[in-house]
Amino acid sequence: MKPKVSIVVPIYNMEDYLERCLGSLLGQSLSDIEIIAVNDGSQDSSLKLLRQYAEQDSRIVIIDKANGGVSEARNDGVKAARGAFIGFVDPDDWVHPSMYQELYEAAVQQRAEIVMCTYVREFGTHAKEKKFDMANGQMFRGKEVQDKLLRRLVGPLNKEVASPEFLDAWGTVWSKLYRAELLTDNGLSFMDLSVIGSNEDTLFNIHAFYHAQSFVFLNRPLYHYWRANAASITSSYTPKLPEKFEKLYSAMEAFLGEKQLGDEYKTAFNNRICVNIIGLGLNAMSEGKASSARKKVKDLQLLLQGRRMREALRSFETKDSPLVWKVFFVCAKLKFSLAIYFMLTVINKLRVRQSGGTSSESGSNLASRHHHESRRLGNHADELLPANGSKQNSV
């Protein structure tokens, strides 16, 4: 008999976190699940731990493969999934005991192809709930899924531009449950991070929401997103990220052209490029002490002088933005790279202070990533900025 939900967990050198993650999944109130643990060429004791868990609980299905990156691991997990619905969990995160029961029941009762919950950012010493301005149980059907959600995944418009920290907060895959046929019937897969650098979640969801005919939003923080590893500015540098983002933009642009989506989508896409200055800029700033301030300023100048960036900034509107972001993007338009450097320095200090992080962690425990894949850098611009009005919770 097929399980109700398949949960795909890509794993690369995560021995320190597996017990917490798997414990939260095996303890789900919805027991009719399978956990597809994809060991992506781990060099630590991850595989040994997985086998121990699998001996104790038959719901754990192990896929042992050579390292190919998180996208390939997730794709292999989807292919092996037997459940009516598919979810994704990163191995250093954990979930609320009722997460998959709540998502599954909402999907069945509302006949939804995608259900989303909210999440809590866990910093080790404290936690902050990510707030979403949408009613609990909000339902979208048919063209509404594209008009209200797909467009938002492509990029922000109007007042959305004023909150760049939400650029990809809607794009995470681990906060969602997908009807399996939505993924398999439309041949949806994750693009290789070694090609696009980041944003594989959002790109995947752009395709998923284009094909989806129904969506339910649960304004309940059911997922716990572990941020303690990524608090340091030096733990998130991705070499050649601007070049990889160019391939990401080309993939998004090709999608918009193929689906013949309108001018509103093109404007949203251009706005995404502009807002991504923050993530790309912080990446340049995080190269480490070996890189001088002069080199970082030069890298920022090259970023601002790129053809696609110049064209996007030319039509970028900031009238709905707070003063600080107006100043930031005016400096970007004028290519004042030194001013951008100082503003990004302040942003990063605020980000680290808000997270409570002071130390650098690079090493092997970078969730599901190999050495060439960043720990979620740029994939969620909301995590590159300090929290705005987020609720702090005790842990």
Protein backbone atom coordinates (compact mmCIF):
# COMPACT_ATOMS: atom_id res chain seq x y z
CA MET A 1 0.00 0.00 0.00
CA LYS A 2 1.34 3.42 -0.97
CA PRO A 3 2.10 5.91 1.83
CA LYS A 4 0.17 9.15 2.05
CA VAL A 5 3.31 11.30 2.09
CA SER A 6 6.88 10.81 0.90
CA ILE A 7 9.48 13.07 2.51
CA VAL A 8 12.75 13.55 0.59
CA VAL A 9 15.83 14.30 2.70
CA PRO A 10 19.12 14.97 0.79
CA ILE A 11 22.10 14.22 3.03
CA TYR A 12 25.77 15.10 2.72
CA ASN A 13 27.96 14.79 5.84
CA MET A 14 25.21 15.53 8.35
CA GLU A 15 25.99 13.11 11.18
CA ASP A 16 25.70 15.88 13.78
CA TYR A 17 22.10 16.70 12.84
CA LEU A 18 20.49 13.51 11.57
CA GLU A 19 19.16 12.35 14.93
CA ARG A 20 17.25 15.60 15.43
CA CYS A 21 15.89 15.67 11.87
CA LEU A 22 14.92 12.00 11.60
CA GLY A 23 13.49 12.00 15.11
CA SER A 24 11.11 14.82 14.16
CA LEU A 25 10.02 12.93 11.01
CA LEU A 26 9.57 9.54 12.65
CA GLY A 27 7.56 11.23 15.40
CA GLN A 28 5.02 12.72 13.02
CA SER A 29 1.37 12.40 14.07
CA LEU A 30 0.74 11.28 10.49
CA SER A 31 2.34 7.85 10.64
CA ASP A 32 1.56 6.74 7.07
CA ILE A 33 4.69 8.27 5.57
CA GLU A 34 7.95 7.21 3.96
CA ILE A 35 11.23 9.02 4.48
CA ILE A 36 13.48 8.86 1.44
CA ALA A 37 16.96 9.52 2.80
CA VAL A 38 19.31 10.24 -0.11
CA ASN A 39 22.90 9.78 1.04
CA ASP A 40 24.75 12.01 -1.40
CA GLY A 41 28.23 10.52 -1.07
CA SER A 42 28.72 11.39 2.60
CA GLN A 43 32.23 10.90 3.94
CA ASP A 44 31.27 10.86 7.62
CA SER A 45 29.02 8.47 9.54
CA SER A 46 25.76 9.65 7.96
CA LEU A 47 25.19 6.44 6.00
CA LYS A 48 25.92 4.27 9.04
CA LEU A 49 23.39 6.26 11.09
CA LEU A 50 20.79 5.99 8.33
CA ARG A 51 21.16 2.22 8.22
CA GLN A 52 20.74 2.01 11.98
CA TYR A 53 17.52 4.02 11.77
CA ALA A 54 16.28 1.97 8.81
CA GLU A 55 16.76 -1.25 10.78
CA GLN A 56 14.46 0.12 13.47
CA ASP A 57 11.83 1.69 11.21
CA SER A 58 10.87 0.37 7.76
CA ARG A 59 9.49 3.77 6.75
CA ILE A 60 13.04 4.93 6.06
CA VAL A 61 14.14 4.22 2.48
CA ILE A 62 17.85 4.77 1.80
CA ILE A 63 19.27 5.80 -1.54
CA ASP A 64 23.08 5.63 -1.45
CA LYS A 65 24.75 7.43 -4.35
CA ALA A 66 27.91 9.21 -5.37
CA ASN A 67 27.96 12.90 -4.60
CA GLY A 68 26.08 14.94 -7.18
CA GLY A 69 24.75 17.86 -5.18
CA VAL A 70 21.49 18.66 -3.47
CA SER A 71 19.48 19.12 -6.67
CA GLU A 72 20.41 15.70 -8.05
CA ALA A 73 19.74 14.13 -4.65
CA ARG A 74 16.27 15.66 -4.48
CA ASN A 75 15.52 14.60 -8.05
CA ASP A 76 16.49 11.02 -7.24
CA GLY A 77 14.29 11.15 -4.15
CA VAL A 78 11.28 12.32 -6.16
CA LYS A 79 11.78 9.49 -8.65
CA ALA A 80 11.75 6.95 -5.83
CA ALA A 81 8.77 8.47 -4.00
CA ARG A 82 5.61 6.32 -3.77
CA GLY A 83 3.45 8.71 -1.75
CA ALA A 84 0.37 10.56 -2.95
CA PHE A 85 2.12 13.76 -1.82
CA ILE A 86 5.80 14.74 -1.66
CA GLY A 87 7.59 17.00 0.82
CA PHE A 88 11.21 18.06 1.26
CA VAL A 89 13.23 18.49 4.46
CA ASP A 90 16.85 19.61 4.81
CA PRO A 91 18.79 17.33 7.16
CA ASP A 92 19.88 19.98 9.66
CA ASP A 93 16.29 21.22 10.04
CA TRP A 94 13.37 19.67 11.88
CA VAL A 95 9.59 19.83 11.77
CA HIS A 96 6.67 20.25 14.15
CA PRO A 97 5.11 16.90 15.21
CA SER A 98 1.88 17.66 13.34
CA MET A 99 3.37 19.34 10.25
CA TYR A 100 2.65 16.66 7.66
CA GLN A 101 -0.71 15.74 9.13
CA GLU A 102 -1.83 19.37 8.90
CA LEU A 103 -0.47 19.82 5.37
CA TYR A 104 -1.90 16.50 4.18
CA GLU A 105 -5.35 17.09 5.66
CA ALA A 106 -5.50 20.57 4.13
CA ALA A 107 -4.50 19.15 0.74
CA VAL A 108 -7.14 16.42 0.85
CA GLN A 109 -9.95 18.52 2.29
CA GLN A 110 -9.35 21.45 -0.06
CA ARG A 111 -8.32 19.29 -3.05
CA ALA A 112 -5.11 21.32 -3.26
CA GLU A 113 -2.05 20.48 -5.34
CA ILE A 114 0.29 22.58 -3.16
CA VAL A 115 -0.01 23.39 0.54
CA MET A 116 2.39 25.76 2.30
CA CYS A 117 3.10 26.52 5.96
CA THR A 118 5.37 29.13 7.55
CA TYR A 119 8.59 28.56 9.44
CA VAL A 120 10.75 29.47 12.41
CA ARG A 121 14.39 30.47 11.98
CA GLU A 122 16.48 28.74 14.63
CA PHE A 123 19.72 30.43 15.67
CA GLY A 124 20.79 28.08 18.43
CA THR A 125 20.38 30.58 21.27
CA HIS A 126 17.02 31.95 20.11
CA ALA A 127 14.40 31.57 17.40
CA LYS A 128 12.45 33.97 15.19
CA GLU A 129 9.22 33.22 13.42
CA LYS A 130 9.02 34.39 9.82
CA LYS A 131 5.81 36.38 9.47
CA PHE A 132 3.71 36.19 6.31
CA ASP A 133 0.92 38.66 5.60
CA MET A 134 -1.75 36.19 4.51
CA ALA A 135 -4.74 34.69 6.29
CA ASN A 136 -4.58 31.15 7.61
CA GLY A 137 -6.39 28.78 5.25
CA GLN A 138 -6.20 31.18 2.28
CA MET A 139 -7.14 29.31 -0.88
CA PHE A 140 -6.28 30.07 -4.52
CA ARG A 141 -7.67 28.22 -7.54
CA GLY A 142 -7.18 28.30 -11.28
CA LYS A 143 -5.75 31.53 -12.69
CA GLU A 144 -5.44 32.96 -9.17
CA VAL A 145 -2.47 30.66 -8.55
CA GLN A 146 -0.58 32.39 -11.36
CA ASP A 147 -1.83 35.92 -10.76
CA LYS A 148 -1.26 35.92 -6.99
CA LEU A 149 1.60 33.46 -6.47
CA LEU A 150 3.51 32.60 -9.65
CA ARG A 151 4.09 36.26 -10.42
CA ARG A 152 5.33 36.82 -6.85
CA LEU A 153 7.82 33.98 -7.27
CA VAL A 154 9.15 35.58 -10.46
CA GLY A 155 9.76 38.87 -8.66
CA PRO A 156 8.30 41.70 -6.57
CA LEU A 157 6.04 44.51 -7.76
CA ASN A 158 5.07 47.87 -6.26
CA LYS A 159 4.96 47.74 -2.44
CA GLU A 160 6.55 44.26 -2.46
CA VAL A 161 9.79 45.94 -3.55
CA ALA A 162 9.83 47.74 -0.19
CA SER A 163 10.46 44.42 1.58
CA PRO A 164 13.42 42.80 -0.21
CA GLU A 165 13.82 40.41 2.72
CA PHE A 166 10.78 38.55 1.33
CA LEU A 167 12.21 38.06 -2.15
CA ASP A 168 12.34 34.25 -1.89
CA ALA A 169 10.52 33.60 1.36
CA TRP A 170 7.66 32.16 -0.73
CA GLY A 171 10.03 30.06 -2.82
CA THR A 172 11.26 27.46 -0.32
CA VAL A 173 10.37 23.84 -1.12
CA TRP A 174 10.72 22.59 2.45
CA SER A 175 7.73 24.64 3.61
CA LYS A 176 5.42 22.90 1.13
CA LEU A 177 3.64 19.66 0.32
CA TYR A 178 3.10 18.82 -3.37
CA ARG A 179 0.68 16.40 -4.99
CA ALA A 180 2.99 13.81 -6.53
CA GLU A 181 1.31 13.90 -9.94
CA LEU A 182 1.96 17.65 -10.18
CA LEU A 183 5.69 16.95 -10.13
CA THR A 184 5.85 13.71 -12.09
CA ASP A 185 3.25 14.43 -14.80
CA ASN A 186 4.94 17.73 -15.65
CA GLY A 187 8.50 16.41 -15.42
CA LEU A 188 9.52 18.93 -12.77
CA SER A 189 13.07 18.72 -11.44
CA PHE A 190 15.67 20.79 -9.63
CA MET A 191 18.35 22.52 -11.68
CA ASP A 192 21.99 21.82 -10.80
CA LEU A 193 23.41 24.36 -8.34
CA SER A 194 26.83 24.11 -9.94
CA VAL A 195 25.20 25.73 -12.98
CA ILE A 196 22.87 28.35 -11.49
CA GLY A 197 24.62 28.97 -8.16
CA SER A 198 21.48 29.29 -6.05
CA ASN A 199 17.69 29.79 -6.13
CA GLU A 200 17.02 26.19 -7.17
CA ASP A 201 14.01 26.14 -4.85
CA THR A 202 12.40 29.25 -6.36
CA LEU A 203 13.09 28.11 -9.92
CA PHE A 204 11.50 24.74 -9.14
CA ASN A 205 8.46 26.44 -7.62
CA ILE A 206 8.05 28.79 -10.58
CA HIS A 207 7.46 25.73 -12.75
CA ALA A 208 5.32 23.99 -10.12
CA PHE A 209 3.02 26.98 -9.57
CA TYR A 210 2.64 27.49 -13.31
CA HIS A 211 1.10 24.02 -13.60
CA ALA A 212 -0.77 24.02 -10.27
CA GLN A 213 -4.50 24.69 -10.23
CA SER A 214 -4.94 24.95 -6.47
CA PHE A 215 -2.96 26.20 -3.46
CA VAL A 216 -3.64 26.48 0.28
CA PHE A 217 -1.68 28.60 2.73
CA LEU A 218 -1.49 27.60 6.40
CA ASN A 219 -0.26 30.50 8.48
CA ARG A 220 1.29 28.12 11.00
CA PRO A 221 5.05 27.95 11.76
CA LEU A 222 5.49 24.18 11.38
CA TYR A 223 9.03 24.03 9.94
CA HIS A 224 12.22 24.79 11.89
CA TYR A 225 14.95 26.24 9.70
CA TRP A 226 18.39 25.88 11.29
CA ARG A 227 20.42 29.05 10.82
CA ALA A 228 23.23 28.61 13.36
CA ASN A 229 25.63 27.28 10.71
CA ALA A 230 25.19 30.26 8.44
CA ALA A 231 25.43 33.16 10.88
CA SER A 232 28.93 34.15 9.85
CA ILE A 233 29.62 36.25 6.80
CA THR A 234 32.56 33.97 5.90
CA SER A 235 30.49 30.80 5.77
CA SER A 236 28.46 31.64 2.70
CA TYR A 237 30.82 32.70 -0.10
CA THR A 238 30.08 31.21 -3.51
CA PRO A 239 32.77 31.70 -6.19
CA LYS A 240 31.61 33.06 -9.55
CA LEU A 241 28.07 33.58 -8.24
CA PRO A 242 27.34 36.51 -10.62
CA GLU A 243 28.19 34.30 -13.62
CA LYS A 244 25.99 31.52 -12.26
CA PHE A 245 23.13 33.94 -11.61
CA GLU A 246 23.36 34.96 -15.26
CA LYS A 247 22.48 31.34 -16.14
CA LEU A 248 19.70 31.42 -13.55
CA TYR A 249 18.31 34.58 -15.14
CA SER A 250 18.55 33.00 -18.58
CA ALA A 251 16.53 30.01 -17.32
CA MET A 252 13.86 32.30 -15.85
CA GLU A 253 13.80 34.47 -18.98
CA ALA A 254 13.40 31.40 -21.18
CA PHE A 255 10.48 30.26 -19.02
CA LEU A 256 8.73 33.63 -19.29
CA GLY A 257 9.19 33.63 -23.06
CA GLU A 258 8.10 30.03 -23.54
CA LYS A 259 4.93 30.50 -21.50
CA GLN A 260 4.27 33.90 -23.12
CA LEU A 261 3.66 35.59 -19.79
CA GLY A 262 2.88 39.30 -19.91
CA ASP A 263 4.62 42.59 -19.18
CA GLU A 264 3.82 42.39 -15.46
CA TYR A 265 6.00 39.29 -15.23
CA LYS A 266 8.81 40.99 -17.14
CA THR A 267 8.73 43.93 -14.72
CA ALA A 268 8.73 41.55 -11.76
CA PHE A 269 11.70 39.69 -13.28
CA ASN A 270 13.65 42.93 -13.73
CA ASN A 271 12.86 43.87 -10.14
CA ARG A 272 14.20 40.49 -8.99
CA ILE A 273 17.49 41.22 -10.75
CA CYS A 274 17.73 44.58 -8.97
CA VAL A 275 16.88 43.21 -5.53
CA ASN A 276 19.44 40.44 -6.04
CA ILE A 277 22.13 43.12 -5.82
CA ILE A 278 21.82 42.65 -2.07
CA GLY A 279 22.50 38.91 -2.10
CA LEU A 280 25.17 39.10 -4.79
CA GLY A 281 26.78 42.05 -3.03
CA LEU A 282 26.85 40.27 0.32
CA ASN A 283 28.41 37.29 -1.43
CA ALA A 284 31.20 39.51 -2.76
CA MET A 285 31.65 40.95 0.73
CA SER A 286 31.93 37.48 2.25
CA GLU A 287 34.98 36.35 0.29
CA GLY A 288 37.04 36.54 3.48
CA LYS A 289 39.92 38.42 5.00
CA ALA A 290 42.27 37.37 2.19
CA SER A 291 40.27 39.60 -0.15
CA SER A 292 40.99 43.30 0.34
CA ALA A 293 38.36 46.02 0.63
CA ARG A 294 39.63 47.42 -2.68
CA LYS A 295 38.99 44.11 -4.44
CA LYS A 296 35.49 43.86 -2.95
CA VAL A 297 34.67 47.38 -4.13
CA LYS A 298 35.96 46.44 -7.58
CA ASP A 299 33.80 43.30 -7.61
CA LEU A 300 30.76 45.39 -6.66
CA GLN A 301 31.58 47.82 -9.48
CA LEU A 302 31.72 44.94 -11.98
CA LEU A 303 28.39 43.68 -10.66
CA LEU A 304 26.75 47.10 -11.15
CA GLN A 305 28.25 47.54 -14.63
CA GLY A 306 26.88 44.27 -16.01
CA ARG A 307 24.57 44.71 -19.00
CA ARG A 308 21.58 42.91 -17.51
CA MET A 309 21.94 44.74 -14.19
CA ARG A 310 22.25 48.14 -15.86
CA GLU A 311 19.13 47.57 -17.93
CA ALA A 312 17.13 46.32 -14.97
CA LEU A 313 18.13 49.24 -12.75
CA ARG A 314 17.19 51.76 -15.44
CA SER A 315 13.48 51.02 -15.02
CA PHE A 316 13.53 50.03 -11.33
CA GLU A 317 10.99 51.97 -9.24
CA THR A 318 11.63 52.63 -5.54
CA LYS A 319 8.75 55.02 -4.75
CA ASP A 320 7.18 52.53 -2.32
CA SER A 321 10.48 51.74 -0.58
CA PRO A 322 11.71 53.08 2.77
CA LEU A 323 14.35 55.81 2.59
CA VAL A 324 17.23 53.44 3.31
CA TRP A 325 16.42 51.27 0.29
CA LYS A 326 15.81 54.30 -1.92
CA VAL A 327 19.32 55.51 -1.09
CA PHE A 328 20.76 52.03 -1.66
CA PHE A 329 19.23 51.59 -5.10
CA VAL A 330 19.94 55.17 -6.20
CA CYS A 331 23.59 54.48 -5.41
CA ALA A 332 23.32 51.24 -7.39
CA LYS A 333 21.85 53.08 -10.39
CA LEU A 334 24.65 55.65 -10.22
CA LYS A 335 27.22 52.83 -9.80
CA PHE A 336 28.53 54.26 -6.53
CA SER A 337 30.24 51.02 -5.60
CA LEU A 338 32.04 52.48 -2.58
CA ALA A 339 28.74 53.63 -1.07
CA ILE A 340 27.23 50.19 -1.76
CA TYR A 341 30.24 48.62 -0.04
CA PHE A 342 29.69 50.61 3.15
CA MET A 343 25.93 49.99 3.18
CA LEU A 344 26.41 46.25 2.71
CA THR A 345 28.93 46.28 5.55
CA VAL A 346 26.26 47.75 7.82
CA ILE A 347 23.61 45.29 6.55
CA ASN A 348 25.87 42.35 7.27
CA LYS A 349 26.70 43.55 10.79
CA LEU A 350 22.99 43.90 11.51
CA ARG A 351 22.34 40.46 10.05
CA VAL A 352 24.97 38.78 12.21
CA ARG A 353 23.87 40.71 15.31
CA GLN A 354 20.23 39.74 14.79
CA SER A 355 21.18 36.09 14.38
CA GLY A 356 23.40 36.14 17.44
CA GLY A 357 26.23 34.70 15.33
CA THR A 358 29.85 35.56 15.80
CA SER A 359 31.81 32.54 14.67
CA SER A 360 32.55 31.09 11.25
CA GLU A 361 31.63 27.55 10.31
CA SER A 362 32.68 26.15 6.98
CA GLY A 363 33.76 22.50 7.16
CA SER A 364 31.59 19.57 6.16
CA ASN A 365 28.28 20.26 7.86
CA LEU A 366 26.80 22.51 5.20
CA ALA A 367 23.35 21.04 4.76
CA SER A 368 23.29 18.68 1.82
CA ARG A 369 25.87 20.72 -0.07
CA HIS A 370 29.20 19.57 -1.40
CA HIS A 371 32.18 21.95 -1.26
CA HIS A 372 31.02 23.75 -4.42
CA GLU A 373 27.51 24.39 -3.10
CA SER A 374 26.74 27.17 -0.66
CA ARG A 375 24.68 26.79 2.50
CA ARG A 376 21.49 28.35 1.08
CA LEU A 377 23.27 31.54 0.09
CA GLY A 378 21.14 33.79 -2.06
CA ASN A 379 18.45 31.18 -2.41
CA HIS A 380 16.50 33.00 0.26
CA ALA A 381 17.25 36.70 0.24
CA ASP A 382 15.06 36.91 3.32
CA GLU A 383 17.82 35.12 5.21
CA LEU A 384 20.52 37.53 4.03
CA LEU A 385 18.88 40.48 5.77
CA PRO A 386 18.05 41.29 9.37
CA ALA A 387 14.56 40.33 10.46
CA ASN A 388 11.97 43.09 10.33
CA GLY A 389 9.53 42.83 13.18
CA SER A 390 9.95 39.09 13.51
CA LYS A 391 8.69 37.53 16.71
CA GLN A 392 11.41 36.16 18.97
CA ASN A 393 10.64 32.88 20.66
CA SER A 394 12.36 30.98 23.41
CA VAL A 395 13.87 27.63 22.54
